[in-house]
Amino acid sequence: MSKGFGDSDFSQVQTDRATSHSIERVLEQDREQAEHARELMAKGAYGVCEDCGQKIPPERLEALPEATRCISCQATWEKTNPR
């Protein structure tokens, strides 16, 4: 007779929930970043790094159209703002 979730089943459910939460958080952050890039585009500031003011290379914008920082500034930002 079953007594409900076994330890391994419970662990799997917990892992699945944590994974789903992480995915939802990343998708929401990506959505917010895309919206931010659209706002900059509307202001005529798209393609310019919002930190250093230099032009973002076209290759970066082609690969990541939502980029609002150059690679160097993005790396610095990620070190101080972990996801």
Protein backbone atom coordinates (compact mmCIF):
# COMPACT_ATOMS: atom_id res chain seq x y z
CA MET A 1 0.00 0.00 0.00
CA SER A 2 1.36 3.42 -0.97
CA LYS A 3 2.07 5.98 1.71
CA GLY A 4 2.31 8.92 -0.71
CA PHE A 5 5.48 10.34 -2.15
CA GLY A 6 8.67 8.46 -1.49
CA ASP A 7 11.77 10.46 -0.63
CA SER A 8 13.05 10.31 -4.21
CA ASP A 9 9.65 11.36 -5.61
CA PHE A 10 9.47 14.31 -3.22
CA SER A 11 12.99 15.36 -4.14
CA GLN A 12 12.11 15.23 -7.84
CA VAL A 13 9.02 17.39 -7.30
CA GLN A 14 11.09 19.93 -5.35
CA THR A 15 13.76 19.96 -8.07
CA ASP A 16 11.16 20.40 -10.80
CA ARG A 17 9.56 23.31 -8.94
CA ALA A 18 12.91 25.02 -8.42
CA THR A 19 13.79 24.55 -12.09
CA SER A 20 10.43 25.93 -13.21
CA HIS A 21 10.84 28.94 -10.92
CA SER A 22 14.33 29.61 -12.28
CA ILE A 23 13.13 29.39 -15.87
CA GLU A 24 10.23 31.74 -15.16
CA ARG A 25 12.60 34.26 -13.53
CA VAL A 26 15.02 34.19 -16.47
CA LEU A 27 12.19 34.57 -18.99
CA GLU A 28 10.80 37.54 -17.05
CA GLN A 29 14.23 39.19 -16.93
CA ASP A 30 14.64 38.62 -20.68
CA ARG A 31 11.21 40.15 -21.31
CA GLU A 32 12.09 43.18 -19.20
CA GLN A 33 15.41 43.60 -21.05
CA ALA A 34 13.68 43.43 -24.44
CA GLU A 35 11.17 46.05 -23.30
CA HIS A 36 14.02 48.27 -22.08
CA ALA A 37 15.73 47.98 -25.48
CA ARG A 38 12.46 48.94 -27.22
CA GLU A 39 12.19 52.01 -24.96
CA LEU A 40 15.73 53.05 -25.90
CA MET A 41 14.90 52.52 -29.56
CA ALA A 42 11.88 54.81 -29.22
CA LYS A 43 14.11 57.49 -27.66
CA GLY A 44 16.68 57.14 -30.44
CA ALA A 45 19.30 55.79 -28.05
CA TYR A 46 19.35 52.20 -29.31
CA GLY A 47 22.80 50.90 -30.21
CA VAL A 48 24.61 53.09 -27.70
CA CYS A 49 25.94 51.55 -24.49
CA GLU A 50 23.89 52.88 -21.61
CA ASP A 51 26.95 52.80 -19.32
CA CYS A 52 29.90 54.14 -21.33
CA GLY A 53 28.09 55.86 -24.21
CA GLN A 54 30.08 54.09 -26.94
CA LYS A 55 28.39 52.51 -29.96
CA ILE A 56 27.52 48.86 -29.46
CA PRO A 57 29.12 46.84 -32.30
CA PRO A 58 26.62 45.79 -34.99
CA GLU A 59 27.67 42.14 -34.57
CA ARG A 60 26.57 42.25 -30.93
CA LEU A 61 23.23 43.83 -31.81
CA GLU A 62 22.70 41.27 -34.54
CA ALA A 63 23.34 38.44 -32.09
CA LEU A 64 21.50 40.10 -29.17
CA PRO A 65 19.06 42.74 -30.43
CA GLU A 66 18.04 43.46 -26.83
CA ALA A 67 21.61 44.41 -25.82
CA THR A 68 21.84 47.83 -24.20
CA ARG A 69 25.49 47.61 -23.09
CA CYS A 70 28.74 46.94 -24.91
CA ILE A 71 30.44 43.65 -24.07
CA SER A 72 32.87 45.22 -21.60
CA CYS A 73 30.19 47.11 -19.68
CA GLN A 74 27.87 44.10 -19.74
CA ALA A 75 30.61 41.92 -18.20
CA THR A 76 31.17 44.51 -15.46
CA TRP A 77 27.41 44.78 -14.85
CA GLU A 78 27.02 41.00 -14.59
CA LYS A 79 29.79 40.81 -11.98
CA THR A 80 28.00 43.29 -9.75
CA ASN A 81 24.42 42.17 -10.54
CA PRO A 82 24.29 38.37 -10.57
CA ARG A 83 21.00 36.85 -11.70
